Every structure is written in C-alpha cells, then in structure tokens.
Amino acid sequence: MEWELFDSRWREVLAKYGITDLHMRDYESAWGEYKGWDRPRRIELLSALIDTFEESAAPPSTGLVGFWSALPLHDYELA
C-alpha cells in the first residue's frame, strides 16, 4: 500500500510538470520532454521529486533507499 501512495505522489509531480517519466539523461541535456526547459525549471522539478522521495522514505514508511551506478563512457559505448 505504501508503494502505491509513493507512486501516486510521484506521478502527481510528473503530471504537474507535464511529463511522464524522469530520465536523467534527457533532464540534464534539456532534451525530450524537457526540451526548452531552462535550468531553474529543471531544478524545481527535481526538488519536488526529491521532496516526494524523502517524504516516502521517512520511517515508518516504505523503506525506500536511493542508489546510483556509473561506468566509464568508453565501456558504455562498447556495449
């Protein structure tokens, strides 16, 4: 049930900004759904999503945790 609440809130933020998903590659390059967005608007979106995540991850809630991964661009291009 908690996941559904988080998902609902997350999608509300996306809808408020007129987008369907968060794709950081497109976000950072102002491409795709973010085409024409200036940096302040992109930061505002990300801040709203971070707030949603933090509210949902706070105990005793979903127990969501953040993660990230990275690899050298050269290796990515070879794959």
PDB file of N, CA and C in Angstrom:
ATOM      1  N   MET A   1       0.820  -1.202   0.000  1.00  0.00           N
ATOM      2  CA  MET A   1       0.000   0.000   0.000  1.00  0.00           C
ATOM      3  C   MET A   1       0.862   1.264   0.000  1.00  0.00           C
ATOM      4  N   GLU A   2       1.943   1.214   0.764  1.00  0.00           N
ATOM      5  CA  GLU A   2       2.798   2.402   0.819  1.00  0.00           C
ATOM      6  C   GLU A   2       3.425   2.698  -0.538  1.00  0.00           C
ATOM      7  N   TRP A   3       3.780   1.638  -1.276  1.00  0.00           N
ATOM      8  CA  TRP A   3       4.361   1.855  -2.596  1.00  0.00           C
ATOM      9  C   TRP A   3       3.366   2.573  -3.504  1.00  0.00           C
ATOM     10  N   GLU A   4       2.091   2.175  -3.436  1.00  0.00           N
ATOM     11  CA  GLU A   4       1.074   2.815  -4.263  1.00  0.00           C
ATOM     12  C   GLU A   4       0.945   4.298  -3.928  1.00  0.00           C
ATOM     13  N   LEU A   5       1.056   4.628  -2.646  1.00  0.00           N
ATOM     14  CA  LEU A   5       0.982   6.031  -2.233  1.00  0.00           C
ATOM     15  C   LEU A   5       2.170   6.814  -2.793  1.00  0.00           C
ATOM     16  N   PHE A   6       3.369   6.241  -2.666  1.00  0.00           N
ATOM     17  CA  PHE A   6       4.555   6.899  -3.217  1.00  0.00           C
ATOM     18  C   PHE A   6       4.402   7.080  -4.724  1.00  0.00           C
ATOM     19  N   ASP A   7       4.014   6.012  -5.416  1.00  0.00           N
ATOM     20  CA  ASP A   7       3.867   6.066  -6.865  1.00  0.00           C
ATOM     21  C   ASP A   7       2.845   7.118  -7.277  1.00  0.00           C
ATOM     22  N   SER A   8       1.753   7.193  -6.543  1.00  0.00           N
ATOM     23  CA  SER A   8       0.715   8.183  -6.831  1.00  0.00           C
ATOM     24  C   SER A   8       1.247   9.604  -6.665  1.00  0.00           C
ATOM     25  N   ARG A   9       1.962   9.842  -5.590  1.00  0.00           N
ATOM     26  CA  ARG A   9       2.527  11.184  -5.352  1.00  0.00           C
ATOM     27  C   ARG A   9       3.572  11.533  -6.408  1.00  0.00           C
ATOM     28  N   TRP A  10       4.420  10.560  -6.739  1.00  0.00           N
ATOM     29  CA  TRP A  10       5.462  10.766  -7.754  1.00  0.00           C
ATOM     30  C   TRP A  10       4.816  11.156  -9.088  1.00  0.00           C
ATOM     31  N   ARG A  11       3.802  10.418  -9.482  1.00  0.00           N
ATOM     32  CA  ARG A  11       3.126  10.688 -10.754  1.00  0.00           C
ATOM     33  C   ARG A  11       2.380  12.021 -10.737  1.00  0.00           C
ATOM     34  N   GLU A  12       1.896  12.427  -9.571  1.00  0.00           N
ATOM     35  CA  GLU A  12       1.258  13.748  -9.454  1.00  0.00           C
ATOM     36  C   GLU A  12       2.259  14.854  -9.768  1.00  0.00           C
ATOM     37  N   VAL A  13       3.481  14.711  -9.250  1.00  0.00           N
ATOM     38  CA  VAL A  13       4.517  15.716  -9.524  1.00  0.00           C
ATOM     39  C   VAL A  13       4.848  15.715 -11.014  1.00  0.00           C
ATOM     40  N   LEU A  14       5.038  14.530 -11.587  1.00  0.00           N
ATOM     41  CA  LEU A  14       5.334  14.461 -13.021  1.00  0.00           C
ATOM     42  C   LEU A  14       4.230  15.128 -13.838  1.00  0.00           C
ATOM     43  N   ALA A  15       2.985  14.838 -13.498  1.00  0.00           N
ATOM     44  CA  ALA A  15       1.850  15.420 -14.228  1.00  0.00           C
ATOM     45  C   ALA A  15       1.812  16.937 -14.077  1.00  0.00           C
ATOM     46  N   LYS A  16       2.136  17.415 -12.891  1.00  0.00           N
ATOM     47  CA  LYS A  16       2.151  18.866 -12.659  1.00  0.00           C
ATOM     48  C   LYS A  16       3.113  19.559 -13.624  1.00  0.00           C
ATOM     49  N   TYR A  17       4.205  18.881 -13.954  1.00  0.00           N
ATOM     50  CA  TYR A  17       5.199  19.457 -14.853  1.00  0.00           C
ATOM     51  C   TYR A  17       5.005  19.005 -16.308  1.00  0.00           C
ATOM     52  N   GLY A  18       3.958  18.232 -16.553  1.00  0.00           N
ATOM     53  CA  GLY A  18       3.635  17.835 -17.917  1.00  0.00           C
ATOM     54  C   GLY A  18       4.557  16.798 -18.519  1.00  0.00           C
ATOM     55  N   ILE A  19       5.119  15.934 -17.684  1.00  0.00           N
ATOM     56  CA  ILE A  19       5.997  14.877 -18.180  1.00  0.00           C
ATOM     57  C   ILE A  19       5.486  13.527 -17.696  1.00  0.00           C
ATOM     58  N   THR A  20       5.993  12.458 -18.311  1.00  0.00           N
ATOM     59  CA  THR A  20       5.534  11.117 -17.949  1.00  0.00           C
ATOM     60  C   THR A  20       6.543  10.329 -17.137  1.00  0.00           C
ATOM     61  N   ASP A  21       7.829  10.625 -17.286  1.00  0.00           N
ATOM     62  CA  ASP A  21       8.888   9.898 -16.587  1.00  0.00           C
ATOM     63  C   ASP A  21      10.065  10.815 -16.312  1.00  0.00           C
ATOM     64  N   LEU A  22      10.911  10.384 -15.389  1.00  0.00           N
ATOM     65  CA  LEU A  22      12.153  11.105 -15.130  1.00  0.00           C
ATOM     66  C   LEU A  22      13.288  10.323 -15.771  1.00  0.00           C
ATOM     67  N   HIS A  23      13.884  10.896 -16.797  1.00  0.00           N
ATOM     68  CA  HIS A  23      15.047  10.312 -17.458  1.00  0.00           C
ATOM     69  C   HIS A  23      16.182  11.320 -17.305  1.00  0.00           C
ATOM     70  N   MET A  24      17.134  11.004 -16.445  1.00  0.00           N
ATOM     71  CA  MET A  24      18.184  11.971 -16.124  1.00  0.00           C
ATOM     72  C   MET A  24      19.019  12.364 -17.338  1.00  0.00           C
ATOM     73  N   ARG A  25      19.210  11.446 -18.267  1.00  0.00           N
ATOM     74  CA  ARG A  25      19.975  11.794 -19.472  1.00  0.00           C
ATOM     75  C   ARG A  25      19.288  12.935 -20.211  1.00  0.00           C
ATOM     76  N   ASP A  26      17.985  12.807 -20.410  1.00  0.00           N
ATOM     77  CA  ASP A  26      17.226  13.857 -21.094  1.00  0.00           C
ATOM     78  C   ASP A  26      17.113  15.102 -20.225  1.00  0.00           C
ATOM     79  N   TYR A  27      16.915  14.893 -18.933  1.00  0.00           N
ATOM     80  CA  TYR A  27      16.785  16.001 -17.983  1.00  0.00           C
ATOM     81  C   TYR A  27      18.024  16.898 -18.033  1.00  0.00           C
ATOM     82  N   GLU A  28      19.192  16.289 -17.923  1.00  0.00           N
ATOM     83  CA  GLU A  28      20.441  17.065 -17.877  1.00  0.00           C
ATOM     84  C   GLU A  28      20.730  17.786 -19.184  1.00  0.00           C
ATOM     85  N   SER A  29      20.308  17.211 -20.292  1.00  0.00           N
ATOM     86  CA  SER A  29      20.601  17.840 -21.588  1.00  0.00           C
ATOM     87  C   SER A  29      19.430  18.662 -22.122  1.00  0.00           C
ATOM     88  N   ALA A  30      18.357  18.803 -21.313  1.00  0.00           N
ATOM     89  CA  ALA A  30      17.152  19.544 -21.730  1.00  0.00           C
ATOM     90  C   ALA A  30      16.649  19.021 -23.074  1.00  0.00           C
ATOM     91  N   TRP A  31      16.474  17.711 -23.139  1.00  0.00           N
ATOM     92  CA  TRP A  31      16.052  17.048 -24.356  1.00  0.00           C
ATOM     93  C   TRP A  31      14.770  16.262 -24.095  1.00  0.00           C
ATOM     94  N   GLY A  32      14.117  15.804 -25.144  1.00  0.00           N
ATOM     95  CA  GLY A  32      12.897  15.012 -24.972  1.00  0.00           C
ATOM     96  C   GLY A  32      11.808  15.844 -24.308  1.00  0.00           C
ATOM     97  N   GLU A  33      11.221  15.300 -23.258  1.00  0.00           N
ATOM     98  CA  GLU A  33      10.140  16.004 -22.565  1.00  0.00           C
ATOM     99  C   GLU A  33      10.618  17.305 -21.913  1.00  0.00           C
ATOM    100  N   TYR A  34      11.915  17.437 -21.744  1.00  0.00           N
ATOM    101  CA  TYR A  34      12.479  18.622 -21.079  1.00  0.00           C
ATOM    102  C   TYR A  34      12.994  19.657 -22.072  1.00  0.00           C
ATOM    103  N   LYS A  35      12.779  19.415 -23.359  1.00  0.00           N
ATOM    104  CA  LYS A  35      13.269  20.335 -24.387  1.00  0.00           C
ATOM    105  C   LYS A  35      12.681  21.723 -24.164  1.00  0.00           C
ATOM    106  N   GLY A  36      13.552  22.714 -24.152  1.00  0.00           N
ATOM    107  CA  GLY A  36      13.130  24.091 -23.949  1.00  0.00           C
ATOM    108  C   GLY A  36      13.065  24.517 -22.490  1.00  0.00           C
ATOM    109  N   TRP A  37      13.274  23.576 -21.575  1.00  0.00           N
ATOM    110  CA  TRP A  37      13.256  23.921 -20.153  1.00  0.00           C
ATOM    111  C   TRP A  37      14.567  24.598 -19.783  1.00  0.00           C
ATOM    112  N   ASP A  38      14.490  25.671 -19.024  1.00  0.00           N
ATOM    113  CA  ASP A  38      15.717  26.274 -18.513  1.00  0.00           C
ATOM    114  C   ASP A  38      16.131  25.549 -17.226  1.00  0.00           C
ATOM    115  N   ARG A  39      17.341  25.832 -16.793  1.00  0.00           N
ATOM    116  CA  ARG A  39      17.894  25.152 -15.602  1.00  0.00           C
ATOM    117  C   ARG A  39      17.021  25.360 -14.360  1.00  0.00           C
ATOM    118  N   PRO A  40      16.539  26.575 -14.066  1.00  0.00           N
ATOM    119  CA  PRO A  40      15.695  26.751 -12.874  1.00  0.00           C
ATOM    120  C   PRO A  40      14.440  25.872 -12.889  1.00  0.00           C
ATOM    121  N   ARG A  41      13.826  25.701 -14.042  1.00  0.00           N
ATOM    122  CA  ARG A  41      12.624  24.848 -14.101  1.00  0.00           C
ATOM    123  C   ARG A  41      12.989  23.384 -13.847  1.00  0.00           C
ATOM    124  N   ARG A  42      14.113  22.942 -14.407  1.00  0.00           N
ATOM    125  CA  ARG A  42      14.535  21.559 -14.179  1.00  0.00           C
ATOM    126  C   ARG A  42      14.877  21.334 -12.709  1.00  0.00           C
ATOM    127  N   ILE A  43      15.515  22.307 -12.089  1.00  0.00           N
ATOM    128  CA  ILE A  43      15.850  22.187 -10.665  1.00  0.00           C
ATOM    129  C   ILE A  43      14.579  22.159  -9.820  1.00  0.00           C
ATOM    130  N   GLU A  44      13.597  22.956 -10.181  1.00  0.00           N
ATOM    131  CA  GLU A  44      12.320  22.968  -9.455  1.00  0.00           C
ATOM    132  C   GLU A  44      11.656  21.586  -9.514  1.00  0.00           C
ATOM    133  N   LEU A  45      11.644  20.977 -10.691  1.00  0.00           N
ATOM    134  CA  LEU A  45      11.083  19.630 -10.834  1.00  0.00           C
ATOM    135  C   LEU A  45      11.836  18.642  -9.955  1.00  0.00           C
ATOM    136  N   LEU A  46      13.152  18.642 -10.060  1.00  0.00           N
ATOM    137  CA  LEU A  46      13.947  17.683  -9.296  1.00  0.00           C
ATOM    138  C   LEU A  46      13.758  17.882  -7.801  1.00  0.00           C
ATOM    139  N   SER A  47      13.674  19.114  -7.358  1.00  0.00           N
ATOM    140  CA  SER A  47      13.436  19.393  -5.936  1.00  0.00           C
ATOM    141  C   SER A  47      12.094  18.824  -5.485  1.00  0.00           C
ATOM    142  N   ALA A  48      11.064  18.981  -6.309  1.00  0.00           N
ATOM    143  CA  ALA A  48       9.742  18.446  -5.965  1.00  0.00           C
ATOM    144  C   ALA A  48       9.778  16.922  -5.896  1.00  0.00           C
ATOM    145  N   LEU A  49      10.497  16.287  -6.806  1.00  0.00           N
ATOM    146  CA  LEU A  49      10.596  14.830  -6.780  1.00  0.00           C
ATOM    147  C   LEU A  49      11.409  14.351  -5.583  1.00  0.00           C
ATOM    148  N   ILE A  50      12.468  15.066  -5.247  1.00  0.00           N
ATOM    149  CA  ILE A  50      13.264  14.710  -4.068  1.00  0.00           C
ATOM    150  C   ILE A  50      12.420  14.838  -2.812  1.00  0.00           C
ATOM    151  N   ASP A  51      11.633  15.896  -2.716  1.00  0.00           N
ATOM    152  CA  ASP A  51      10.731  16.052  -1.560  1.00  0.00           C
ATOM    153  C   ASP A  51       9.782  14.862  -1.455  1.00  0.00           C
ATOM    154  N   THR A  52       9.224  14.450  -2.577  1.00  0.00           N
ATOM    155  CA  THR A  52       8.312  13.305  -2.591  1.00  0.00           C
ATOM    156  C   THR A  52       9.031  12.043  -2.129  1.00  0.00           C
ATOM    157  N   PHE A  53      10.232  11.849  -2.614  1.00  0.00           N
ATOM    158  CA  PHE A  53      11.015  10.675  -2.219  1.00  0.00           C
ATOM    159  C   PHE A  53      11.320  10.709  -0.727  1.00  0.00           C
ATOM    160  N   GLU A  54      11.781  11.857  -0.237  1.00  0.00           N
ATOM    161  CA  GLU A  54      12.129  11.970   1.182  1.00  0.00           C
ATOM    162  C   GLU A  54      10.916  11.746   2.077  1.00  0.00           C
ATOM    163  N   GLU A  55       9.769  12.266   1.694  1.00  0.00           N
ATOM    164  CA  GLU A  55       8.547  12.057   2.479  1.00  0.00           C
ATOM    165  C   GLU A  55       8.179  10.581   2.516  1.00  0.00           C
ATOM    166  N   SER A  56       8.395   9.890   1.424  1.00  0.00           N
ATOM    167  CA  SER A  56       8.031   8.480   1.339  1.00  0.00           C
ATOM    168  C   SER A  56       9.060   7.570   1.994  1.00  0.00           C
ATOM    169  N   ALA A  57      10.298   8.009   2.053  1.00  0.00           N
ATOM    170  CA  ALA A  57      11.357   7.169   2.608  1.00  0.00           C
ATOM    171  C   ALA A  57      11.496   7.326   4.113  1.00  0.00           C
ATOM    172  N   ALA A  58      10.870   8.347   4.672  1.00  0.00           N
ATOM    173  CA  ALA A  58      10.994   8.596   6.112  1.00  0.00           C
ATOM    174  C   ALA A  58      10.304   7.488   6.899  1.00  0.00           C
ATOM    175  N   PRO A  59      10.964   6.961   7.928  1.00  0.00           N
ATOM    176  CA  PRO A  59      10.332   5.923   8.758  1.00  0.00           C
ATOM    177  C   PRO A  59       9.084   6.476   9.408  1.00  0.00           C
ATOM    178  N   PRO A  60       8.078   5.704   9.642  1.00  0.00           N
ATOM    179  CA  PRO A  60       7.969   4.275   9.290  1.00  0.00           C
ATOM    180  C   PRO A  60       7.259   4.101   7.959  1.00  0.00           C
ATOM    181  N   SER A  61       7.909   4.404   6.896  1.00  0.00           N
ATOM    182  CA  SER A  61       7.262   4.354   5.588  1.00  0.00           C
ATOM    183  C   SER A  61       7.806   3.208   4.760  1.00  0.00           C
ATOM    184  N   THR A  62       7.984   3.432   3.479  1.00  0.00           N
ATOM    185  CA  THR A  62       8.309   2.366   2.535  1.00  0.00           C
ATOM    186  C   THR A  62       9.685   1.764   2.722  1.00  0.00           C
ATOM    187  N   GLY A  63      10.585   2.480   3.380  1.00  0.00           N
ATOM    188  CA  GLY A  63      11.942   1.980   3.472  1.00  0.00           C
ATOM    189  C   GLY A  63      12.689   2.134   2.161  1.00  0.00           C
ATOM    190  N   LEU A  64      12.236   3.052   1.318  1.00  0.00           N
ATOM    191  CA  LEU A  64      12.914   3.284   0.047  1.00  0.00           C
ATOM    192  C   LEU A  64      14.327   3.779   0.296  1.00  0.00           C
ATOM    193  N   VAL A  65      15.229   3.353  -0.535  1.00  0.00           N
ATOM    194  CA  VAL A  65      16.599   3.838  -0.466  1.00  0.00           C
ATOM    195  C   VAL A  65      17.023   4.265  -1.864  1.00  0.00           C
ATOM    196  N   GLY A  66      17.883   5.240  -1.921  1.00  0.00           N
ATOM    197  CA  GLY A  66      18.390   5.695  -3.204  1.00  0.00           C
ATOM    198  C   GLY A  66      19.608   4.889  -3.621  1.00  0.00           C
ATOM    199  N   PHE A  67      19.849   4.819  -4.900  1.00  0.00           N
ATOM    200  CA  PHE A  67      21.051   4.176  -5.401  1.00  0.00           C
ATOM    201  C   PHE A  67      21.412   4.807  -6.738  1.00  0.00           C
ATOM    202  N   TRP A  68      22.629   4.598  -7.140  1.00  0.00           N
ATOM    203  CA  TRP A  68      23.070   5.079  -8.431  1.00  0.00           C
ATOM    204  C   TRP A  68      24.181   4.162  -8.908  1.00  0.00           C
ATOM    205  N   SER A  69      24.484   4.250 -10.145  1.00  0.00           N
ATOM    206  CA  SER A  69      25.604   3.498 -10.694  1.00  0.00           C
ATOM    207  C   SER A  69      26.230   4.332 -11.803  1.00  0.00           C
ATOM    208  N   ALA A  70      27.449   4.025 -12.085  1.00  0.00           N
ATOM    209  CA  ALA A  70      28.167   4.744 -13.134  1.00  0.00           C
ATOM    210  C   ALA A  70      29.153   3.787 -13.794  1.00  0.00           C
ATOM    211  N   LEU A  71      29.480   4.072 -15.025  1.00  0.00           N
ATOM    212  CA  LEU A  71      30.516   3.327 -15.702  1.00  0.00           C
ATOM    213  C   LEU A  71      31.187   4.266 -16.691  1.00  0.00           C
ATOM    214  N   PRO A  72      32.416   3.951 -17.031  1.00  0.00           N
ATOM    215  CA  PRO A  72      33.121   4.807 -17.987  1.00  0.00           C
ATOM    216  C   PRO A  72      32.366   4.863 -19.318  1.00  0.00           C
ATOM    217  N   LEU A  73      32.294   6.040 -19.895  1.00  0.00           N
ATOM    218  CA  LEU A  73      31.578   6.237 -21.152  1.00  0.00           C
ATOM    219  C   LEU A  73      32.107   5.306 -22.242  1.00  0.00           C
ATOM    220  N   HIS A  74      33.411   5.131 -22.277  1.00  0.00           N
ATOM    221  CA  HIS A  74      34.013   4.263 -23.288  1.00  0.00           C
ATOM    222  C   HIS A  74      33.440   2.843 -23.192  1.00  0.00           C
ATOM    223  N   ASP A  75      33.330   2.317 -21.981  1.00  0.00           N
ATOM    224  CA  ASP A  75      32.777   0.972 -21.792  1.00  0.00           C
ATOM    225  C   ASP A  75      31.312   0.920 -22.206  1.00  0.00           C
ATOM    226  N   TYR A  76      30.573   1.962 -21.886  1.00  0.00           N
ATOM    227  CA  TYR A  76      29.156   2.026 -22.268  1.00  0.00           C
ATOM    228  C   TYR A  76      29.009   2.002 -23.787  1.00  0.00           C
ATOM    229  N   GLU A  77      29.848   2.767 -24.461  1.00  0.00           N
ATOM    230  CA  GLU A  77      29.764   2.839 -25.917  1.00  0.00           C
ATOM    231  C   GLU A  77      30.146   1.520 -26.583  1.00  0.00           C
ATOM    232  N   LEU A  78      30.993   0.738 -25.924  1.00  0.00           N
ATOM    233  CA  LEU A  78      31.379  -0.561 -26.474  1.00  0.00           C
ATOM    234  C   LEU A  78      30.287  -1.609 -26.297  1.00  0.00           C
ATOM    235  N   ALA A  79      29.424  -1.411 -25.314  1.00  0.00           N
ATOM    236  CA  ALA A  79      28.390  -2.429 -25.012  1.00  0.00           C
ATOM    237  C   ALA A  79      27.304  -2.465 -26.057  1.00  0.00           C
TER     238      ALA A  79
END
